[in-house]
Amino acid sequence: MSEEAFAIDRSQAASPSPMVRAVLRELVNLLDGLAKDPTREGIIDLGSPPINVLDRRSLRSWLGRGEVEVVCDAAGGSSVHETAFPGVWWVVHYGPDRFAMVEQIVVARVPALLPAHPEDIVAGCRRLVERFGSEALSGSGESAR
């Protein structure tokens, strides 16, 4: 993987504030825990304590952007992007007016928001069978004649 795949703007990141330093220190601890145990996850809620706009911008600069970005349209919408540090994700949940209601940094292999819920998988299977009929389940290919 090339270095340019991970965009980090160091111009804003030269001297982090004490708040940004504290968040980065916590991220190191959480990421170290995830490296030792892949089931160990953590979340830093950027609204508690609130991080001001300048610190948030600086933190974004320090963390950069990785290769993965996901936009979800359910319940107001959410966006998830991997930072330049695998296992560290920037997650924003929006309200109906597209105003950011919750902003978090999630340390996990995959944020819990992304995997399909088992009940949704069952419902999806039902819809697929309803749409394509029971031939979709036969697997024999004979229905394609």
C-alpha atoms as a PDB file:
ATOM      1  CA  MET A   1       0.000   0.000   0.000  1.00  0.00           C
ATOM      2  CA  SER A   2       1.482   3.352  -1.003  1.00  0.00           C
ATOM      3  CA  GLU A   3       1.989   6.272   1.381  1.00  0.00           C
ATOM      4  CA  GLU A   4      -0.134   8.570  -0.796  1.00  0.00           C
ATOM      5  CA  ALA A   5      -3.107   6.307  -0.067  1.00  0.00           C
ATOM      6  CA  PHE A   6      -3.219   7.923   3.362  1.00  0.00           C
ATOM      7  CA  ALA A   7      -3.732  11.678   3.158  1.00  0.00           C
ATOM      8  CA  ILE A   8      -2.480  13.509   6.235  1.00  0.00           C
ATOM      9  CA  ASP A   9      -2.334  17.304   6.137  1.00  0.00           C
ATOM     10  CA  ARG A  10       0.581  18.094   8.445  1.00  0.00           C
ATOM     11  CA  SER A  11       0.196  21.880   7.974  1.00  0.00           C
ATOM     12  CA  GLN A  12      -2.551  22.046  10.638  1.00  0.00           C
ATOM     13  CA  ALA A  13      -1.011  19.294  12.732  1.00  0.00           C
ATOM     14  CA  ALA A  14       2.314  20.843  13.737  1.00  0.00           C
ATOM     15  CA  SER A  15       1.384  21.640  17.335  1.00  0.00           C
ATOM     16  CA  PRO A  16      -1.699  19.913  18.750  1.00  0.00           C
ATOM     17  CA  SER A  17      -3.604  21.575  21.567  1.00  0.00           C
ATOM     18  CA  PRO A  18      -3.807  19.858  24.955  1.00  0.00           C
ATOM     19  CA  MET A  19      -7.305  18.558  24.042  1.00  0.00           C
ATOM     20  CA  VAL A  20      -6.088  17.052  20.751  1.00  0.00           C
ATOM     21  CA  ARG A  21      -3.070  15.575  22.528  1.00  0.00           C
ATOM     22  CA  ALA A  22      -5.371  13.937  25.094  1.00  0.00           C
ATOM     23  CA  VAL A  23      -7.557  12.422  22.346  1.00  0.00           C
ATOM     24  CA  LEU A  24      -4.504  11.138  20.454  1.00  0.00           C
ATOM     25  CA  ARG A  25      -3.132   9.606  23.674  1.00  0.00           C
ATOM     26  CA  GLU A  26      -6.475   7.844  24.260  1.00  0.00           C
ATOM     27  CA  LEU A  27      -6.464   6.613  20.657  1.00  0.00           C
ATOM     28  CA  VAL A  28      -3.006   5.088  21.124  1.00  0.00           C
ATOM     29  CA  ASN A  29      -4.301   3.205  24.193  1.00  0.00           C
ATOM     30  CA  LEU A  30      -7.443   2.012  22.405  1.00  0.00           C
ATOM     31  CA  LEU A  31      -5.577   0.973  19.258  1.00  0.00           C
ATOM     32  CA  ASP A  32      -2.967  -0.873  21.306  1.00  0.00           C
ATOM     33  CA  GLY A  33      -5.812  -2.731  23.049  1.00  0.00           C
ATOM     34  CA  LEU A  34      -7.372  -3.625  19.684  1.00  0.00           C
ATOM     35  CA  ALA A  35      -4.009  -4.844  18.386  1.00  0.00           C
ATOM     36  CA  LYS A  36      -3.719  -7.183  21.371  1.00  0.00           C
ATOM     37  CA  ASP A  37      -7.351  -8.335  21.277  1.00  0.00           C
ATOM     38  CA  PRO A  38      -9.320  -7.885  18.015  1.00  0.00           C
ATOM     39  CA  THR A  39     -12.629  -8.026  19.905  1.00  0.00           C
ATOM     40  CA  ARG A  40     -11.701  -5.079  22.118  1.00  0.00           C
ATOM     41  CA  GLU A  41     -13.249  -1.908  20.736  1.00  0.00           C
ATOM     42  CA  GLY A  42     -13.516   1.670  21.940  1.00  0.00           C
ATOM     43  CA  ILE A  43     -15.323   4.895  21.166  1.00  0.00           C
ATOM     44  CA  ILE A  44     -14.359   8.489  21.793  1.00  0.00           C
ATOM     45  CA  ASP A  45     -17.425  10.728  21.676  1.00  0.00           C
ATOM     46  CA  LEU A  46     -16.294  14.087  20.330  1.00  0.00           C
ATOM     47  CA  GLY A  47     -19.307  15.771  21.907  1.00  0.00           C
ATOM     48  CA  SER A  48     -18.441  14.751  25.463  1.00  0.00           C
ATOM     49  CA  PRO A  49     -16.496  16.732  26.472  1.00  0.00           C
ATOM     50  CA  PRO A  50     -17.176  18.969  23.494  1.00  0.00           C
ATOM     51  CA  ILE A  51     -14.231  19.591  21.214  1.00  0.00           C
ATOM     52  CA  ASN A  52     -14.171  23.025  19.617  1.00  0.00           C
ATOM     53  CA  VAL A  53     -14.045  23.539  15.849  1.00  0.00           C
ATOM     54  CA  LEU A  54     -10.299  24.284  15.721  1.00  0.00           C
ATOM     55  CA  ASP A  55      -9.401  21.203  17.780  1.00  0.00           C
ATOM     56  CA  ARG A  56     -11.694  19.055  15.634  1.00  0.00           C
ATOM     57  CA  ARG A  57     -10.007  20.349  12.465  1.00  0.00           C
ATOM     58  CA  SER A  58      -6.569  19.708  13.967  1.00  0.00           C
ATOM     59  CA  LEU A  59      -7.581  16.204  15.028  1.00  0.00           C
ATOM     60  CA  ARG A  60      -8.844  15.468  11.512  1.00  0.00           C
ATOM     61  CA  SER A  61      -5.473  16.657  10.171  1.00  0.00           C
ATOM     62  CA  TRP A  62      -3.565  14.446  12.554  1.00  0.00           C
ATOM     63  CA  LEU A  63      -5.650  11.383  11.736  1.00  0.00           C
ATOM     64  CA  GLY A  64      -5.899  11.932   7.979  1.00  0.00           C
ATOM     65  CA  ARG A  65      -7.974   9.737   5.698  1.00  0.00           C
ATOM     66  CA  GLY A  66      -7.569   6.104   4.796  1.00  0.00           C
ATOM     67  CA  GLU A  67      -8.928   4.072   1.921  1.00  0.00           C
ATOM     68  CA  VAL A  68     -12.470   3.256   3.094  1.00  0.00           C
ATOM     69  CA  GLU A  69     -15.498   5.548   3.190  1.00  0.00           C
ATOM     70  CA  VAL A  70     -19.115   4.489   3.706  1.00  0.00           C
ATOM     71  CA  VAL A  71     -22.295   6.564   3.624  1.00  0.00           C
ATOM     72  CA  CYS A  72     -25.459   5.094   5.182  1.00  0.00           C
ATOM     73  CA  ASP A  73     -28.905   6.528   4.420  1.00  0.00           C
ATOM     74  CA  ALA A  74     -30.899   5.051   7.323  1.00  0.00           C
ATOM     75  CA  ALA A  75     -32.434   7.238  10.052  1.00  0.00           C
ATOM     76  CA  GLY A  76     -30.983  10.599   9.015  1.00  0.00           C
ATOM     77  CA  GLY A  77     -27.799   9.089   7.649  1.00  0.00           C
ATOM     78  CA  SER A  78     -24.305   8.356   8.820  1.00  0.00           C
ATOM     79  CA  SER A  79     -20.862   8.621   7.324  1.00  0.00           C
ATOM     80  CA  VAL A  80     -17.899   6.486   8.256  1.00  0.00           C
ATOM     81  CA  HIS A  81     -14.367   6.914   7.019  1.00  0.00           C
ATOM     82  CA  GLU A  82     -11.232   5.116   7.921  1.00  0.00           C
ATOM     83  CA  THR A  83      -8.464   7.398   9.112  1.00  0.00           C
ATOM     84  CA  ALA A  84      -4.867   6.978   7.961  1.00  0.00           C
ATOM     85  CA  PHE A  85      -4.521   4.564  10.876  1.00  0.00           C
ATOM     86  CA  PRO A  86      -6.224   1.204  10.234  1.00  0.00           C
ATOM     87  CA  GLY A  87      -8.674   0.416  12.999  1.00  0.00           C
ATOM     88  CA  VAL A  88      -9.401   4.102  13.685  1.00  0.00           C
ATOM     89  CA  TRP A  89     -12.675   5.325  12.127  1.00  0.00           C
ATOM     90  CA  TRP A  90     -14.302   8.778  12.059  1.00  0.00           C
ATOM     91  CA  VAL A  91     -18.082   8.300  12.376  1.00  0.00           C
ATOM     92  CA  VAL A  92     -20.769  10.993  12.057  1.00  0.00           C
ATOM     93  CA  HIS A  93     -24.498  10.397  12.606  1.00  0.00           C
ATOM     94  CA  TYR A  94     -26.816  13.029  11.122  1.00  0.00           C
ATOM     95  CA  GLY A  95     -30.314  14.105  12.078  1.00  0.00           C
ATOM     96  CA  PRO A  96     -33.161  14.484   9.576  1.00  0.00           C
ATOM     97  CA  ASP A  97     -31.942  18.011   8.765  1.00  0.00           C
ATOM     98  CA  ARG A  98     -28.435  16.656   7.924  1.00  0.00           C
ATOM     99  CA  PHE A  99     -27.039  18.376  11.022  1.00  0.00           C
ATOM    100  CA  ALA A 100     -24.294  16.311  12.710  1.00  0.00           C
ATOM    101  CA  MET A 101     -25.907  14.983  15.890  1.00  0.00           C
ATOM    102  CA  VAL A 102     -23.159  12.592  17.030  1.00  0.00           C
ATOM    103  CA  GLU A 103     -19.512  12.572  16.030  1.00  0.00           C
ATOM    104  CA  GLN A 104     -17.235   9.797  17.247  1.00  0.00           C
ATOM    105  CA  ILE A 105     -13.894   8.208  16.679  1.00  0.00           C
ATOM    106  CA  VAL A 106     -14.383   4.454  16.763  1.00  0.00           C
ATOM    107  CA  VAL A 107     -11.490   2.062  17.306  1.00  0.00           C
ATOM    108  CA  ALA A 108     -12.479  -1.321  15.883  1.00  0.00           C
ATOM    109  CA  ARG A 109     -11.712  -3.702  13.058  1.00  0.00           C
ATOM    110  CA  VAL A 110     -15.071  -2.644  11.563  1.00  0.00           C
ATOM    111  CA  PRO A 111     -17.448  -0.144  13.187  1.00  0.00           C
ATOM    112  CA  ALA A 112     -20.550  -1.845  14.625  1.00  0.00           C
ATOM    113  CA  LEU A 113     -22.714   0.349  12.399  1.00  0.00           C
ATOM    114  CA  LEU A 114     -21.547  -1.448   9.246  1.00  0.00           C
ATOM    115  CA  PRO A 115     -22.164  -5.194   9.604  1.00  0.00           C
ATOM    116  CA  ALA A 116     -25.651  -6.254   8.593  1.00  0.00           C
ATOM    117  CA  HIS A 117     -27.933  -7.066  11.512  1.00  0.00           C
ATOM    118  CA  PRO A 118     -29.016 -10.751  11.549  1.00  0.00           C
ATOM    119  CA  GLU A 119     -32.733  -9.813  11.386  1.00  0.00           C
ATOM    120  CA  ASP A 120     -32.052  -7.583   8.369  1.00  0.00           C
ATOM    121  CA  ILE A 121     -30.298 -10.494   6.644  1.00  0.00           C
ATOM    122  CA  VAL A 122     -33.336 -12.734   7.208  1.00  0.00           C
ATOM    123  CA  ALA A 123     -35.659 -10.016   5.869  1.00  0.00           C
ATOM    124  CA  GLY A 124     -33.379  -9.527   2.864  1.00  0.00           C
ATOM    125  CA  CYS A 125     -33.472 -13.243   2.103  1.00  0.00           C
ATOM    126  CA  ARG A 126     -37.270 -13.199   2.236  1.00  0.00           C
ATOM    127  CA  ARG A 127     -37.423 -10.227  -0.134  1.00  0.00           C
ATOM    128  CA  LEU A 128     -35.008 -11.921  -2.531  1.00  0.00           C
ATOM    129  CA  VAL A 129     -37.131 -15.083  -2.604  1.00  0.00           C
ATOM    130  CA  GLU A 130     -40.296 -12.986  -3.073  1.00  0.00           C
ATOM    131  CA  ARG A 131     -38.711 -11.103  -5.946  1.00  0.00           C
ATOM    132  CA  PHE A 132     -37.112 -14.016  -7.782  1.00  0.00           C
ATOM    133  CA  GLY A 133     -39.245 -16.910  -6.604  1.00  0.00           C
ATOM    134  CA  SER A 134     -38.241 -20.257  -5.197  1.00  0.00           C
ATOM    135  CA  GLU A 135     -36.024 -20.928  -8.249  1.00  0.00           C
ATOM    136  CA  ALA A 136     -33.468 -18.669  -6.607  1.00  0.00           C
ATOM    137  CA  LEU A 137     -33.083 -21.312  -3.891  1.00  0.00           C
ATOM    138  CA  SER A 138     -32.802 -24.410  -6.093  1.00  0.00           C
ATOM    139  CA  GLY A 139     -29.205 -23.860  -7.132  1.00  0.00           C
ATOM    140  CA  SER A 140     -29.633 -26.371  -9.978  1.00  0.00           C
ATOM    141  CA  GLY A 141     -29.718 -23.776 -12.730  1.00  0.00           C
ATOM    142  CA  GLU A 142     -32.511 -25.747 -14.452  1.00  0.00           C
ATOM    143  CA  SER A 143     -34.989 -22.909 -14.060  1.00  0.00           C
ATOM    144  CA  ALA A 144     -32.905 -20.818 -16.463  1.00  0.00           C
ATOM    145  CA  ARG A 145     -34.044 -22.894 -19.505  1.00  0.00           C
END
